[in-house]
C-alpha atoms as a PDB file:
ATOM      1  CA  UNK A   1      44.257  44.163 142.315  1.00  0.00           C
ATOM      2  CA  UNK A   2      42.311  46.835 140.432  1.00  0.00           C
ATOM      3  CA  UNK A   3      39.917  45.994 137.606  1.00  0.00           C
ATOM      4  CA  UNK A   4      42.323  46.924 134.789  1.00  0.00           C
ATOM      5  CA  UNK A   5      44.997  44.553 136.138  1.00  0.00           C
ATOM      6  CA  UNK A   6      42.410  41.786 136.395  1.00  0.00           C
ATOM      7  CA  UNK A   7      41.368  42.369 132.779  1.00  0.00           C
ATOM      8  CA  UNK A   8      44.982  42.337 131.591  1.00  0.00           C
ATOM      9  CA  UNK A   9      45.480  38.923 133.196  1.00  0.00           C
ATOM     10  CA  UNK A  10      42.327  37.668 131.476  1.00  0.00           C
ATOM     11  CA  UNK A  11      43.591  38.967 128.121  1.00  0.00           C
ATOM     12  CA  UNK A  12      46.984  37.269 128.628  1.00  0.00           C
ATOM     13  CA  UNK A  13      45.234  33.974 129.384  1.00  0.00           C
ATOM     14  CA  UNK A  14      42.964  34.412 126.352  1.00  0.00           C
ATOM     15  CA  UNK A  15      45.964  34.898 124.058  1.00  0.00           C
ATOM     16  CA  UNK A  16      47.591  31.716 125.362  1.00  0.00           C
ATOM     17  CA  UNK A  17      44.396  29.737 124.829  1.00  0.00           C
ATOM     18  CA  UNK A  18      43.976  31.172 121.337  1.00  0.00           C
ATOM     19  CA  UNK A  19      47.155  29.564 120.029  1.00  0.00           C
ATOM     20  CA  UNK A  20      47.026  26.358 122.066  1.00  0.00           C
ATOM     21  CA  UNK A  21      47.293  23.179 119.997  1.00  0.00           C
ATOM     22  CA  UNK A  22      43.852  21.653 119.328  1.00  0.00           C
ATOM     23  CA  UNK A  23      42.888  18.708 121.494  1.00  0.00           C
ATOM     24  CA  UNK A  24      41.624  15.298 120.386  1.00  0.00           C
ATOM     25  CA  UNK A  25      37.967  16.344 120.418  1.00  0.00           C
ATOM     26  CA  UNK A  26      38.633  19.469 118.349  1.00  0.00           C
ATOM     27  CA  UNK A  27      40.662  17.511 115.793  1.00  0.00           C
ATOM     28  CA  UNK A  28      38.018  14.788 115.551  1.00  0.00           C
ATOM     29  CA  UNK A  29      35.126  17.213 115.096  1.00  0.00           C
ATOM     30  CA  UNK A  30      37.114  19.144 112.497  1.00  0.00           C
ATOM     31  CA  UNK A  31      37.806  15.968 110.498  1.00  0.00           C
ATOM     32  CA  UNK A  32      34.131  15.010 110.610  1.00  0.00           C
ATOM     33  CA  UNK A  33      33.136  18.514 109.537  1.00  0.00           C
ATOM     34  CA  UNK A  34      35.537  18.424 106.594  1.00  0.00           C
ATOM     35  CA  UNK A  35      34.071  15.125 105.413  1.00  0.00           C
ATOM     36  CA  UNK A  36      30.488  16.369 105.717  1.00  0.00           C
ATOM     37  CA  UNK A  37      31.484  19.542 103.861  1.00  0.00           C
ATOM     38  CA  UNK A  38      32.279  17.400 100.819  1.00  0.00           C
ATOM     39  CA  UNK A  39      28.641  16.291 100.609  1.00  0.00           C
ATOM     40  CA  UNK A  40      27.166  19.788 100.807  1.00  0.00           C
ATOM     41  CA  UNK A  41      26.069  20.830  97.294  1.00  0.00           C
ATOM     42  CA  UNK A  42      28.221  23.401  95.514  1.00  0.00           C
ATOM     43  CA  UNK A  43      25.230  25.735  95.210  1.00  0.00           C
ATOM     44  CA  UNK A  44      25.093  25.884  99.006  1.00  0.00           C
ATOM     45  CA  UNK A  45      28.787  26.793  99.194  1.00  0.00           C
ATOM     46  CA  UNK A  46      28.191  29.421  96.504  1.00  0.00           C
ATOM     47  CA  UNK A  47      25.286  30.819  98.509  1.00  0.00           C
ATOM     48  CA  UNK A  48      27.510  31.105 101.579  1.00  0.00           C
ATOM     49  CA  UNK A  49      30.223  32.845  99.551  1.00  0.00           C
ATOM     50  CA  UNK A  50      27.715  35.325  98.077  1.00  0.00           C
ATOM     51  CA  UNK A  51      26.251  35.965 101.517  1.00  0.00           C
ATOM     52  CA  UNK A  52      29.649  36.669 103.063  1.00  0.00           C
ATOM     53  CA  UNK A  53      30.539  39.144 100.306  1.00  0.00           C
ATOM     54  CA  UNK A  54      27.186  40.907 100.621  1.00  0.00           C
ATOM     55  CA  UNK A  55      27.298  41.230 104.404  1.00  0.00           C
ATOM     56  CA  UNK A  56      30.926  42.376 104.451  1.00  0.00           C
ATOM     57  CA  UNK A  57      30.120  44.985 101.790  1.00  0.00           C
ATOM     58  CA  UNK A  58      27.177  46.192 103.874  1.00  0.00           C
ATOM     59  CA  UNK A  59      29.324  46.292 107.014  1.00  0.00           C
ATOM     60  CA  UNK A  60      31.975  48.398 105.275  1.00  0.00           C
ATOM     61  CA  UNK A  61      29.855  50.779 103.243  1.00  0.00           C
ATOM     62  CA  UNK A  62      26.229  50.602 104.413  1.00  0.00           C
ATOM     63  CA  UNK A  63      24.278  51.908 107.391  1.00  0.00           C
ATOM     64  CA  UNK A  64      22.280  48.751 108.151  1.00  0.00           C
ATOM     65  CA  UNK A  65      24.371  47.700 111.150  1.00  0.00           C
ATOM     66  CA  UNK A  66      25.119  51.166 112.531  1.00  0.00           C
ATOM     67  CA  UNK A  67      23.465  51.431 115.975  1.00  0.00           C
ATOM     68  CA  UNK A  68      20.845  54.111 116.358  1.00  0.00           C
ATOM     69  CA  UNK A  69      21.979  55.098 119.822  1.00  0.00           C
ATOM     70  CA  UNK A  70      24.794  57.654 120.228  1.00  0.00           C
ATOM     71  CA  UNK A  71      28.354  56.691 121.115  1.00  0.00           C
ATOM     72  CA  UNK A  72      28.929  57.400 124.793  1.00  0.00           C
ATOM     73  CA  UNK A  73      32.081  55.954 126.287  1.00  0.00           C
ATOM     74  CA  UNK A  74      31.610  54.660 129.830  1.00  0.00           C
ATOM     75  CA  UNK A  75      33.449  56.279 132.695  1.00  0.00           C
ATOM     76  CA  UNK A  76      35.570  53.172 133.275  1.00  0.00           C
ATOM     77  CA  UNK A  77      36.337  49.785 131.754  1.00  0.00           C
ATOM     78  CA  UNK A  78      34.304  47.841 134.296  1.00  0.00           C
ATOM     79  CA  UNK A  79      31.226  49.849 133.397  1.00  0.00           C
ATOM     80  CA  UNK A  80      31.801  49.238 129.671  1.00  0.00           C
ATOM     81  CA  UNK A  81      32.280  45.496 130.240  1.00  0.00           C
ATOM     82  CA  UNK A  82      29.023  45.301 132.196  1.00  0.00           C
ATOM     83  CA  UNK A  83      27.070  47.008 129.435  1.00  0.00           C
ATOM     84  CA  UNK A  84      28.773  44.816 126.820  1.00  0.00           C
ATOM     85  CA  UNK A  85      27.643  41.658 128.630  1.00  0.00           C
ATOM     86  CA  UNK A  86      24.088  42.949 128.929  1.00  0.00           C
ATOM     87  CA  UNK A  87      23.875  43.690 125.218  1.00  0.00           C
ATOM     88  CA  UNK A  88      25.496  40.359 124.393  1.00  0.00           C
ATOM     89  CA  UNK A  89      22.825  38.489 126.364  1.00  0.00           C
ATOM     90  CA  UNK A  90      20.170  40.043 124.123  1.00  0.00           C
ATOM     91  CA  UNK A  91      21.932  39.008 120.910  1.00  0.00           C
ATOM     92  CA  UNK A  92      22.662  35.516 122.203  1.00  0.00           C
ATOM     93  CA  UNK A  93      18.956  34.968 122.921  1.00  0.00           C
ATOM     94  CA  UNK A  94      18.120  36.036 119.364  1.00  0.00           C
ATOM     95  CA  UNK A  95      20.760  33.687 117.927  1.00  0.00           C
ATOM     96  CA  UNK A  96      19.563  30.740 120.035  1.00  0.00           C
ATOM     97  CA  UNK A  97      15.934  31.239 118.973  1.00  0.00           C
ATOM     98  CA  UNK A  98      16.985  31.587 115.333  1.00  0.00           C
ATOM     99  CA  UNK A  99      19.165  28.444 115.490  1.00  0.00           C
ATOM    100  CA  UNK A 100      16.407  26.387 117.103  1.00  0.00           C
ATOM    101  CA  UNK A 101      13.828  27.562 114.563  1.00  0.00           C
ATOM    102  CA  UNK A 102      15.902  26.849 111.483  1.00  0.00           C
ATOM    103  CA  UNK A 103      17.347  23.630 112.959  1.00  0.00           C
ATOM    104  CA  UNK A 104      13.838  22.250 113.376  1.00  0.00           C
ATOM    105  CA  UNK A 105      13.320  22.586 109.630  1.00  0.00           C
ATOM    106  CA  UNK A 106      16.165  20.275 108.577  1.00  0.00           C
ATOM    107  CA  UNK A 107      18.885  20.920 106.021  1.00  0.00           C
ATOM    108  CA  UNK A 108      17.008  23.427 103.848  1.00  0.00           C
ATOM    109  CA  UNK A 109      16.057  25.795 106.662  1.00  0.00           C
ATOM    110  CA  UNK A 110      19.509  25.312 108.197  1.00  0.00           C
ATOM    111  CA  UNK A 111      20.925  26.947 105.075  1.00  0.00           C
ATOM    112  CA  UNK A 112      18.890  30.034 105.988  1.00  0.00           C
ATOM    113  CA  UNK A 113      20.630  30.050 109.367  1.00  0.00           C
ATOM    114  CA  UNK A 114      24.074  30.844 107.946  1.00  0.00           C
ATOM    115  CA  UNK A 115      23.326  34.331 106.561  1.00  0.00           C
ATOM    116  CA  UNK A 116      21.060  35.085 109.532  1.00  0.00           C
ATOM    117  CA  UNK A 117      23.806  34.161 112.002  1.00  0.00           C
ATOM    118  CA  UNK A 118      26.414  36.287 110.203  1.00  0.00           C
ATOM    119  CA  UNK A 119      24.036  39.249 110.339  1.00  0.00           C
ATOM    120  CA  UNK A 120      23.462  38.742 114.081  1.00  0.00           C
ATOM    121  CA  UNK A 121      27.229  38.627 114.630  1.00  0.00           C
ATOM    122  CA  UNK A 122      27.743  41.847 112.712  1.00  0.00           C
ATOM    123  CA  UNK A 123      24.982  43.690 114.536  1.00  0.00           C
ATOM    124  CA  UNK A 124      26.476  42.622 117.865  1.00  0.00           C
ATOM    125  CA  UNK A 125      29.967  43.790 116.859  1.00  0.00           C
ATOM    126  CA  UNK A 126      28.692  47.202 115.765  1.00  0.00           C
ATOM    127  CA  UNK A 127      26.818  47.579 119.056  1.00  0.00           C
ATOM    128  CA  UNK A 128      29.925  46.535 120.976  1.00  0.00           C
ATOM    129  CA  UNK A 129      32.032  49.186 119.249  1.00  0.00           C
ATOM    130  CA  UNK A 130      29.621  51.878 120.447  1.00  0.00           C
ATOM    131  CA  UNK A 131      29.619  50.444 123.982  1.00  0.00           C
ATOM    132  CA  UNK A 132      33.405  50.905 124.171  1.00  0.00           C
ATOM    133  CA  UNK A 133      33.177  54.385 122.695  1.00  0.00           C
ATOM    134  CA  UNK A 134      34.134  53.869 119.041  1.00  0.00           C
ATOM    135  CA  UNK A 135      31.971  55.423 116.340  1.00  0.00           C
ATOM    136  CA  UNK A 136      31.209  52.979 113.519  1.00  0.00           C
ATOM    137  CA  UNK A 137      30.471  55.850 111.156  1.00  0.00           C
ATOM    138  CA  UNK A 138      34.239  56.002 110.718  1.00  0.00           C
ATOM    139  CA  UNK A 139      35.568  53.585 108.107  1.00  0.00           C
ATOM    140  CA  UNK A 140      38.568  52.569 110.234  1.00  0.00           C
ATOM    141  CA  UNK A 141      36.211  51.327 112.962  1.00  0.00           C
ATOM    142  CA  UNK A 142      34.424  49.122 110.447  1.00  0.00           C
ATOM    143  CA  UNK A 143      37.736  47.650 109.355  1.00  0.00           C
ATOM    144  CA  UNK A 144      38.526  46.950 113.012  1.00  0.00           C
ATOM    145  CA  UNK A 145      35.197  45.105 113.331  1.00  0.00           C
ATOM    146  CA  UNK A 146      36.027  42.938 110.309  1.00  0.00           C
ATOM    147  CA  UNK A 147      39.413  42.071 111.788  1.00  0.00           C
ATOM    148  CA  UNK A 148      37.752  41.002 115.040  1.00  0.00           C
ATOM    149  CA  UNK A 149      35.136  39.044 113.077  1.00  0.00           C
ATOM    150  CA  UNK A 150      37.798  37.280 111.026  1.00  0.00           C
ATOM    151  CA  UNK A 151      39.980  36.551 114.051  1.00  0.00           C
ATOM    152  CA  UNK A 152      37.220  34.460 115.625  1.00  0.00           C
ATOM    153  CA  UNK A 153      37.140  31.915 112.790  1.00  0.00           C
ATOM    154  CA  UNK A 154      40.550  32.199 111.112  1.00  0.00           C
ATOM    155  CA  UNK A 155      43.319  29.601 111.080  1.00  0.00           C
ATOM    156  CA  UNK A 156      46.400  30.074 113.299  1.00  0.00           C
ATOM    157  CA  UNK A 157      48.437  32.150 110.827  1.00  0.00           C
ATOM    158  CA  UNK A 158      45.624  34.490 109.855  1.00  0.00           C
ATOM    159  CA  UNK A 159      44.493  34.735 113.476  1.00  0.00           C
ATOM    160  CA  UNK A 160      47.979  35.841 114.532  1.00  0.00           C
ATOM    161  CA  UNK A 161      47.969  38.441 111.749  1.00  0.00           C
ATOM    162  CA  UNK A 162      44.611  39.878 112.864  1.00  0.00           C
ATOM    163  CA  UNK A 163      45.716  39.963 116.512  1.00  0.00           C
ATOM    164  CA  UNK A 164      48.879  41.865 115.599  1.00  0.00           C
ATOM    165  CA  UNK A 165      46.817  44.419 113.690  1.00  0.00           C
ATOM    166  CA  UNK A 166      44.544  44.837 116.714  1.00  0.00           C
ATOM    167  CA  UNK A 167      47.487  45.197 119.079  1.00  0.00           C
ATOM    168  CA  UNK A 168      48.990  47.927 116.903  1.00  0.00           C
ATOM    169  CA  UNK A 169      45.739  49.574 115.884  1.00  0.00           C
ATOM    170  CA  UNK A 170      46.967  52.970 117.040  1.00  0.00           C
ATOM    171  CA  UNK A 171      49.411  52.763 114.108  1.00  0.00           C
ATOM    172  CA  UNK A 172      47.390  50.805 111.571  1.00  0.00           C
ATOM    173  CA  UNK A 173      44.090  52.715 111.772  1.00  0.00           C
ATOM    174  CA  UNK A 174      45.534  55.757 109.981  1.00  0.00           C
ATOM    175  CA  UNK A 175      45.752  53.835 106.708  1.00  0.00           C
ATOM    176  CA  UNK A 176      42.003  53.115 106.773  1.00  0.00           C
ATOM    177  CA  UNK A 177      40.653  56.659 106.692  1.00  0.00           C
ATOM    178  CA  UNK A 178      39.399  56.051 103.155  1.00  0.00           C
ATOM    179  CA  UNK A 179      37.400  53.159 101.724  1.00  0.00           C
ATOM    180  CA  UNK A 180      38.918  53.479  98.276  1.00  0.00           C
ATOM    181  CA  UNK A 181      41.255  50.455  98.416  1.00  0.00           C
ATOM    182  CA  UNK A 182      40.304  48.147 101.285  1.00  0.00           C
ATOM    183  CA  UNK A 183      37.464  46.245  99.644  1.00  0.00           C
ATOM    184  CA  UNK A 184      39.349  45.790  96.353  1.00  0.00           C
ATOM    185  CA  UNK A 185      42.504  44.513  98.039  1.00  0.00           C
ATOM    186  CA  UNK A 186      40.806  42.209 100.524  1.00  0.00           C
ATOM    187  CA  UNK A 187      41.907  38.568 100.296  1.00  0.00           C
ATOM    188  CA  UNK A 188      38.414  37.271  99.556  1.00  0.00           C
ATOM    189  CA  UNK A 189      39.458  33.716  98.807  1.00  0.00           C
ATOM    190  CA  UNK A 190      41.122  33.205 102.200  1.00  0.00           C
ATOM    191  CA  UNK A 191      38.354  35.070 104.034  1.00  0.00           C
ATOM    192  CA  UNK A 192      35.569  33.003 102.491  1.00  0.00           C
ATOM    193  CA  UNK A 193      37.309  29.627 102.731  1.00  0.00           C
ATOM    194  CA  UNK A 194      38.188  30.161 106.380  1.00  0.00           C
ATOM    195  CA  UNK A 195      34.640  31.145 107.267  1.00  0.00           C
ATOM    196  CA  UNK A 196      33.146  28.220 105.369  1.00  0.00           C
ATOM    197  CA  UNK A 197      35.583  25.792 106.987  1.00  0.00           C
ATOM    198  CA  UNK A 198      34.811  27.210 110.427  1.00  0.00           C
ATOM    199  CA  UNK A 199      31.259  25.869 110.184  1.00  0.00           C
ATOM    200  CA  UNK A 200      32.230  23.054 112.483  1.00  0.00           C
ATOM    201  CA  UNK A 201      30.599  19.928 113.825  1.00  0.00           C
ATOM    202  CA  UNK A 202      28.109  21.945 115.897  1.00  0.00           C
ATOM    203  CA  UNK A 203      26.479  23.439 112.790  1.00  0.00           C
ATOM    204  CA  UNK A 204      26.561  20.130 110.935  1.00  0.00           C
ATOM    205  CA  UNK A 205      24.501  18.497 113.707  1.00  0.00           C
ATOM    206  CA  UNK A 206      21.862  21.154 113.125  1.00  0.00           C
ATOM    207  CA  UNK A 207      21.043  19.561 109.772  1.00  0.00           C
ATOM    208  CA  UNK A 208      20.190  16.144 111.260  1.00  0.00           C
ATOM    209  CA  UNK A 209      16.495  15.217 111.575  1.00  0.00           C
ATOM    210  CA  UNK A 210      15.227  14.881 115.126  1.00  0.00           C
ATOM    211  CA  UNK A 211      17.966  16.815 116.889  1.00  0.00           C
ATOM    212  CA  UNK A 212      18.228  19.833 114.574  1.00  0.00           C
ATOM    213  CA  UNK A 213      16.364  22.265 116.839  1.00  0.00           C
ATOM    214  CA  UNK A 214      18.408  21.402 119.925  1.00  0.00           C
ATOM    215  CA  UNK A 215      21.675  21.326 117.964  1.00  0.00           C
ATOM    216  CA  UNK A 216      20.903  24.643 116.253  1.00  0.00           C
ATOM    217  CA  UNK A 217      20.193  26.373 119.551  1.00  0.00           C
ATOM    218  CA  UNK A 218      23.316  24.913 121.188  1.00  0.00           C
ATOM    219  CA  UNK A 219      25.527  25.728 118.204  1.00  0.00           C
ATOM    220  CA  UNK A 220      24.445  29.355 118.014  1.00  0.00           C
ATOM    221  CA  UNK A 221      24.719  29.749 121.792  1.00  0.00           C
ATOM    222  CA  UNK A 222      28.346  28.577 121.848  1.00  0.00           C
ATOM    223  CA  UNK A 223      29.319  30.352 118.620  1.00  0.00           C
ATOM    224  CA  UNK A 224      28.022  33.679 119.968  1.00  0.00           C
ATOM    225  CA  UNK A 225      29.881  33.045 123.231  1.00  0.00           C
ATOM    226  CA  UNK A 226      33.153  32.624 121.325  1.00  0.00           C
ATOM    227  CA  UNK A 227      32.502  35.839 119.408  1.00  0.00           C
ATOM    228  CA  UNK A 228      31.821  37.685 122.674  1.00  0.00           C
ATOM    229  CA  UNK A 229      35.102  36.487 124.169  1.00  0.00           C
ATOM    230  CA  UNK A 230      37.179  37.519 121.154  1.00  0.00           C
ATOM    231  CA  UNK A 231      35.390  40.806 120.570  1.00  0.00           C
ATOM    232  CA  UNK A 232      35.335  41.983 124.170  1.00  0.00           C
ATOM    233  CA  UNK A 233      38.991  41.147 124.648  1.00  0.00           C
ATOM    234  CA  UNK A 234      39.915  42.982 121.455  1.00  0.00           C
ATOM    235  CA  UNK A 235      38.170  46.146 122.645  1.00  0.00           C
ATOM    236  CA  UNK A 236      39.480  45.753 126.202  1.00  0.00           C
ATOM    237  CA  UNK A 237      43.005  45.391 124.844  1.00  0.00           C
ATOM    238  CA  UNK A 238      42.554  48.549 122.821  1.00  0.00           C
ATOM    239  CA  UNK A 239      41.100  50.415 125.818  1.00  0.00           C
ATOM    240  CA  UNK A 240      44.037  49.452 128.060  1.00  0.00           C
ATOM    241  CA  UNK A 241      46.550  50.487 125.411  1.00  0.00           C
ATOM    242  CA  UNK A 242      44.907  53.879 125.019  1.00  0.00           C
ATOM    243  CA  UNK A 243      44.899  54.357 128.790  1.00  0.00           C
ATOM    244  CA  UNK A 244      48.624  53.602 128.874  1.00  0.00           C
ATOM    245  CA  UNK A 245      49.250  56.269 126.235  1.00  0.00           C
ATOM    246  CA  UNK A 246      49.832  54.093 123.160  1.00  0.00           C
END
């Protein structure tokens, strides 16, 4: 079995896992998270909403996350995957250190963690695009990054919608050559609510005295791992489609 066939099997398995019904532990942690969410002050929720808007705007229109290194597509997919994992390890270490530091400070410093973590995620996604040979100076590539970002935390219906867009990117990308309409027409309410609700039990534990540092490190470690899985598979899927002539 060559490497591309192996990757295709991994992608097929990933898709099946993505839409699998949540287990007891996932349901329980989600219910606990929803209850805790009710006790978080509205000003904190407003801060998260403002942060999401600001970072998404920067991702779409700014240069802050654009990697300094040139885009150089690897000779083969295996080579690209190896480099992607190496770069991911660097970002995961940063996220773990940041989660431990803010978790040690209790609920107030944990609020600082949310915008910092989103920024780390975005920087990783922009780097990943360049690893697989896609230039983030192009607006369509930034839209692709947002779709990958949203797919990692969205509910089942929205997740299926983002996956379909990624699968048919060779058709959809042509409508995103200009930035004139995308930001205005974005469903901000759904985007923000889904991200806020995705702050699951792991991040809630970070706010508890005594275990905040450990919980913050663990939460950011696992959250970055999930992002890596979704993002790498999205770019691998796109690579394989392009190789097949789609």
